Structure formats: structure tokens, C-alpha cells
Amino acid sequence: MQLEAGTYIGTREAAAMLGVSPALLRLWRSEGRGPESVKLGGTVVYRESTVKAYAEKHCG
């Protein structure tokens, strides 16, 4: 798999950007909701620009 260019952030950083807890973001991910994520090895990361776009659209 090839990653798109950009800055990638972890679950804690993404949750902070969205104003939710990391646990809620993990729940959303398990339900197929929230911003798109990518798994690198055993680590889930989010493209920063995707999280920002999601926040603008869904978090006001």
C-alpha cells in the first residue's frame, strides 16, 4: 500500500482536533464512522488534512 503525501497523526492527536476522547474515536473507527484512518504495522494513523476536513464538516 502506498500512502498519500501529507502529515499523519495518531489517535490522540486526531481526537484532540475533533474535540472527542480517543476512546470515542476508536469506537467510531470500529463502527466505520469518523475520519478515514490507515493502519501502519500495529499503529492507526490519520491524515491530518482528512481530520481537519472531517471536523469542518461534522463538528461545526
C-alpha atoms as a PDB file:
ATOM      1  CA  MET A   1       0.000   0.000   0.000  1.00  0.00           C
ATOM      2  CA  GLN A   2       1.263   3.468  -0.832  1.00  0.00           C
ATOM      3  CA  LEU A   3       0.421   6.357   1.496  1.00  0.00           C
ATOM      4  CA  GLU A   4      -0.666   9.733   0.200  1.00  0.00           C
ATOM      5  CA  ALA A   5       1.702  12.586   0.891  1.00  0.00           C
ATOM      6  CA  GLY A   6       0.974  14.680   3.931  1.00  0.00           C
ATOM      7  CA  THR A   7       1.279  14.722   7.673  1.00  0.00           C
ATOM      8  CA  TYR A   8      -0.058  11.754   9.611  1.00  0.00           C
ATOM      9  CA  ILE A   9      -1.149  11.932  13.248  1.00  0.00           C
ATOM     10  CA  GLY A  10      -2.072   9.387  15.894  1.00  0.00           C
ATOM     11  CA  THR A  11      -5.399   8.689  17.535  1.00  0.00           C
ATOM     12  CA  ARG A  12      -4.784  11.035  20.487  1.00  0.00           C
ATOM     13  CA  GLU A  13      -3.907  13.959  18.231  1.00  0.00           C
ATOM     14  CA  ALA A  14      -6.840  13.295  15.897  1.00  0.00           C
ATOM     15  CA  ALA A  15      -9.256  13.021  18.828  1.00  0.00           C
ATOM     16  CA  ALA A  16      -7.994  16.338  20.234  1.00  0.00           C
ATOM     17  CA  MET A  17      -8.539  18.019  16.858  1.00  0.00           C
ATOM     18  CA  LEU A  18     -12.112  16.705  16.803  1.00  0.00           C
ATOM     19  CA  GLY A  19     -12.826  17.556  20.433  1.00  0.00           C
ATOM     20  CA  VAL A  20     -13.604  13.944  21.377  1.00  0.00           C
ATOM     21  CA  SER A  21     -11.865  11.334  23.501  1.00  0.00           C
ATOM     22  CA  PRO A  22      -9.500   8.795  21.939  1.00  0.00           C
ATOM     23  CA  ALA A  23     -11.896   6.073  23.124  1.00  0.00           C
ATOM     24  CA  LEU A  24     -14.781   7.636  21.191  1.00  0.00           C
ATOM     25  CA  LEU A  25     -12.633   7.953  18.082  1.00  0.00           C
ATOM     26  CA  ARG A  26     -11.695   4.250  18.382  1.00  0.00           C
ATOM     27  CA  LEU A  27     -15.393   3.388  18.744  1.00  0.00           C
ATOM     28  CA  TRP A  28     -16.235   5.401  15.633  1.00  0.00           C
ATOM     29  CA  ARG A  29     -13.467   3.596  13.746  1.00  0.00           C
ATOM     30  CA  SER A  30     -14.831   0.188  14.797  1.00  0.00           C
ATOM     31  CA  GLU A  31     -18.282   1.244  13.585  1.00  0.00           C
ATOM     32  CA  GLY A  32     -16.975   2.542  10.259  1.00  0.00           C
ATOM     33  CA  ARG A  33     -17.594   6.178  11.235  1.00  0.00           C
ATOM     34  CA  GLY A  34     -15.310   9.154  11.696  1.00  0.00           C
ATOM     35  CA  PRO A  35     -12.405  10.274   9.538  1.00  0.00           C
ATOM     36  CA  GLU A  36     -10.623   7.734   7.351  1.00  0.00           C
ATOM     37  CA  SER A  37      -7.702   6.006   9.041  1.00  0.00           C
ATOM     38  CA  VAL A  38      -4.767   3.895   7.888  1.00  0.00           C
ATOM     39  CA  LYS A  39      -3.064   1.116   9.811  1.00  0.00           C
ATOM     40  CA  LEU A  40       0.739   1.120   9.641  1.00  0.00           C
ATOM     41  CA  GLY A  41       2.013  -2.039  11.236  1.00  0.00           C
ATOM     42  CA  GLY A  42       0.142  -2.049  14.532  1.00  0.00           C
ATOM     43  CA  THR A  43      -0.438   1.706  14.653  1.00  0.00           C
ATOM     44  CA  VAL A  44      -3.530   3.525  13.423  1.00  0.00           C
ATOM     45  CA  VAL A  45      -2.837   6.932  11.914  1.00  0.00           C
ATOM     46  CA  TYR A  46      -4.940   9.648  10.335  1.00  0.00           C
ATOM     47  CA  ARG A  47      -4.005  12.053   7.592  1.00  0.00           C
ATOM     48  CA  GLU A  48      -4.103  15.472   9.250  1.00  0.00           C
ATOM     49  CA  SER A  49      -5.890  17.129   6.330  1.00  0.00           C
ATOM     50  CA  THR A  50      -8.581  14.409   6.401  1.00  0.00           C
ATOM     51  CA  VAL A  51      -9.197  15.005  10.108  1.00  0.00           C
ATOM     52  CA  LYS A  52      -9.424  18.770   9.540  1.00  0.00           C
ATOM     53  CA  ALA A  53     -11.923  18.286   6.700  1.00  0.00           C
ATOM     54  CA  TYR A  54     -13.981  15.897   8.818  1.00  0.00           C
ATOM     55  CA  ALA A  55     -14.008  18.370  11.707  1.00  0.00           C
ATOM     56  CA  GLU A  56     -15.172  21.205   9.454  1.00  0.00           C
ATOM     57  CA  LYS A  57     -17.970  19.101   8.000  1.00  0.00           C
ATOM     58  CA  HIS A  58     -19.187  17.298  11.130  1.00  0.00           C
ATOM     59  CA  CYS A  59     -18.053  19.267  14.157  1.00  0.00           C
ATOM     60  CA  GLY A  60     -19.230  22.708  13.250  1.00  0.00           C
END
